Amino acid sequence: MSDEDRLRPHEVIDCIDCGGRAHLLTKPREDGRWEPGDVVAYRCEDCLDRWDLVLPDPDDV
């Protein structure tokens, strides 16, 4: 798996608060790439909580 694939955020994650499905809101930059340190936002379809996560450096994972 390439670093680029490892950096790509999941389209859907589990909501920490309610266990529902939180969907990715953030789009990649114009070149389609994700970089370590990019902040990605998710919104839960059940409780409507928003989650902002920082993409880790693949070497740290």
C-alpha atoms as a PDB file:
ATOM      1  CA  MET A   1       0.000   0.000   0.000  1.00  0.00           C
ATOM      2  CA  SER A   2       1.412   3.400  -0.981  1.00  0.00           C
ATOM      3  CA  ASP A   3       1.700   6.359   1.407  1.00  0.00           C
ATOM      4  CA  GLU A   4      -0.923   8.122  -0.691  1.00  0.00           C
ATOM      5  CA  ASP A   5      -3.387   5.264  -0.092  1.00  0.00           C
ATOM      6  CA  ARG A   6      -2.575   5.231   3.624  1.00  0.00           C
ATOM      7  CA  LEU A   7      -3.250   8.970   3.876  1.00  0.00           C
ATOM      8  CA  ARG A   8      -6.629   8.830   2.144  1.00  0.00           C
ATOM      9  CA  PRO A   9      -9.268   9.265   4.863  1.00  0.00           C
ATOM     10  CA  HIS A  10     -12.125   6.800   5.172  1.00  0.00           C
ATOM     11  CA  GLU A  11     -15.390   7.973   3.624  1.00  0.00           C
ATOM     12  CA  VAL A  12     -17.349   6.822   6.710  1.00  0.00           C
ATOM     13  CA  ILE A  13     -16.206   6.325  10.315  1.00  0.00           C
ATOM     14  CA  ASP A  14     -17.985   5.323  13.517  1.00  0.00           C
ATOM     15  CA  CYS A  15     -19.174   8.264  15.597  1.00  0.00           C
ATOM     16  CA  ILE A  16     -17.409   8.309  18.954  1.00  0.00           C
ATOM     17  CA  ASP A  17     -20.479   9.691  20.760  1.00  0.00           C
ATOM     18  CA  CYS A  18     -23.368   7.597  19.486  1.00  0.00           C
ATOM     19  CA  GLY A  19     -21.871   4.813  17.344  1.00  0.00           C
ATOM     20  CA  GLY A  20     -23.649   6.095  14.226  1.00  0.00           C
ATOM     21  CA  ARG A  21     -22.092   6.644  10.814  1.00  0.00           C
ATOM     22  CA  ALA A  22     -20.062   9.828  10.363  1.00  0.00           C
ATOM     23  CA  HIS A  23     -19.448  10.846   6.751  1.00  0.00           C
ATOM     24  CA  LEU A  24     -16.420  12.674   5.376  1.00  0.00           C
ATOM     25  CA  LEU A  25     -17.165  16.330   4.596  1.00  0.00           C
ATOM     26  CA  THR A  26     -13.698  17.453   3.491  1.00  0.00           C
ATOM     27  CA  LYS A  27     -12.603  17.227  -0.127  1.00  0.00           C
ATOM     28  CA  PRO A  28      -8.974  16.720  -1.162  1.00  0.00           C
ATOM     29  CA  ARG A  29      -6.996  19.655  -2.531  1.00  0.00           C
ATOM     30  CA  GLU A  30      -7.209  20.377  -6.260  1.00  0.00           C
ATOM     31  CA  ASP A  31      -4.473  17.869  -7.137  1.00  0.00           C
ATOM     32  CA  GLY A  32      -6.459  15.128  -5.355  1.00  0.00           C
ATOM     33  CA  ARG A  33      -3.756  14.529  -2.763  1.00  0.00           C
ATOM     34  CA  TRP A  34      -3.912  14.315   1.008  1.00  0.00           C
ATOM     35  CA  GLU A  35      -0.949  15.370   3.148  1.00  0.00           C
ATOM     36  CA  PRO A  36       0.057  14.555   6.733  1.00  0.00           C
ATOM     37  CA  GLY A  37      -1.380  17.234   9.003  1.00  0.00           C
ATOM     38  CA  ASP A  38      -4.447  17.859   6.815  1.00  0.00           C
ATOM     39  CA  VAL A  39      -7.558  18.364   8.931  1.00  0.00           C
ATOM     40  CA  VAL A  40     -10.577  16.377   7.761  1.00  0.00           C
ATOM     41  CA  ALA A  41     -14.125  16.873   9.019  1.00  0.00           C
ATOM     42  CA  TYR A  42     -16.850  14.277   9.502  1.00  0.00           C
ATOM     43  CA  ARG A  43     -20.542  14.714  10.369  1.00  0.00           C
ATOM     44  CA  CYS A  44     -22.577  11.986  12.077  1.00  0.00           C
ATOM     45  CA  GLU A  45     -25.855  11.193  10.331  1.00  0.00           C
ATOM     46  CA  ASP A  46     -27.533  10.260  13.631  1.00  0.00           C
ATOM     47  CA  CYS A  47     -26.497  12.784  16.301  1.00  0.00           C
ATOM     48  CA  LEU A  48     -25.136  15.422  13.856  1.00  0.00           C
ATOM     49  CA  ASP A  49     -21.886  15.802  15.822  1.00  0.00           C
ATOM     50  CA  ARG A  50     -18.926  17.034  13.827  1.00  0.00           C
ATOM     51  CA  TRP A  51     -15.490  15.479  14.168  1.00  0.00           C
ATOM     52  CA  ASP A  52     -12.290  17.188  13.003  1.00  0.00           C
ATOM     53  CA  LEU A  53      -9.369  14.783  12.689  1.00  0.00           C
ATOM     54  CA  VAL A  54      -5.743  15.337  11.684  1.00  0.00           C
ATOM     55  CA  LEU A  55      -4.260  12.941   9.127  1.00  0.00           C
ATOM     56  CA  PRO A  56      -1.185  11.312  10.635  1.00  0.00           C
ATOM     57  CA  ASP A  57       2.207  10.915   9.018  1.00  0.00           C
ATOM     58  CA  PRO A  58       2.283   7.355   7.566  1.00  0.00           C
ATOM     59  CA  ASP A  59       5.666   6.810   9.241  1.00  0.00           C
ATOM     60  CA  ASP A  60       4.041   7.388  12.650  1.00  0.00           C
ATOM     61  CA  VAL A  61       1.234   4.862  12.126  1.00  0.00           C
END
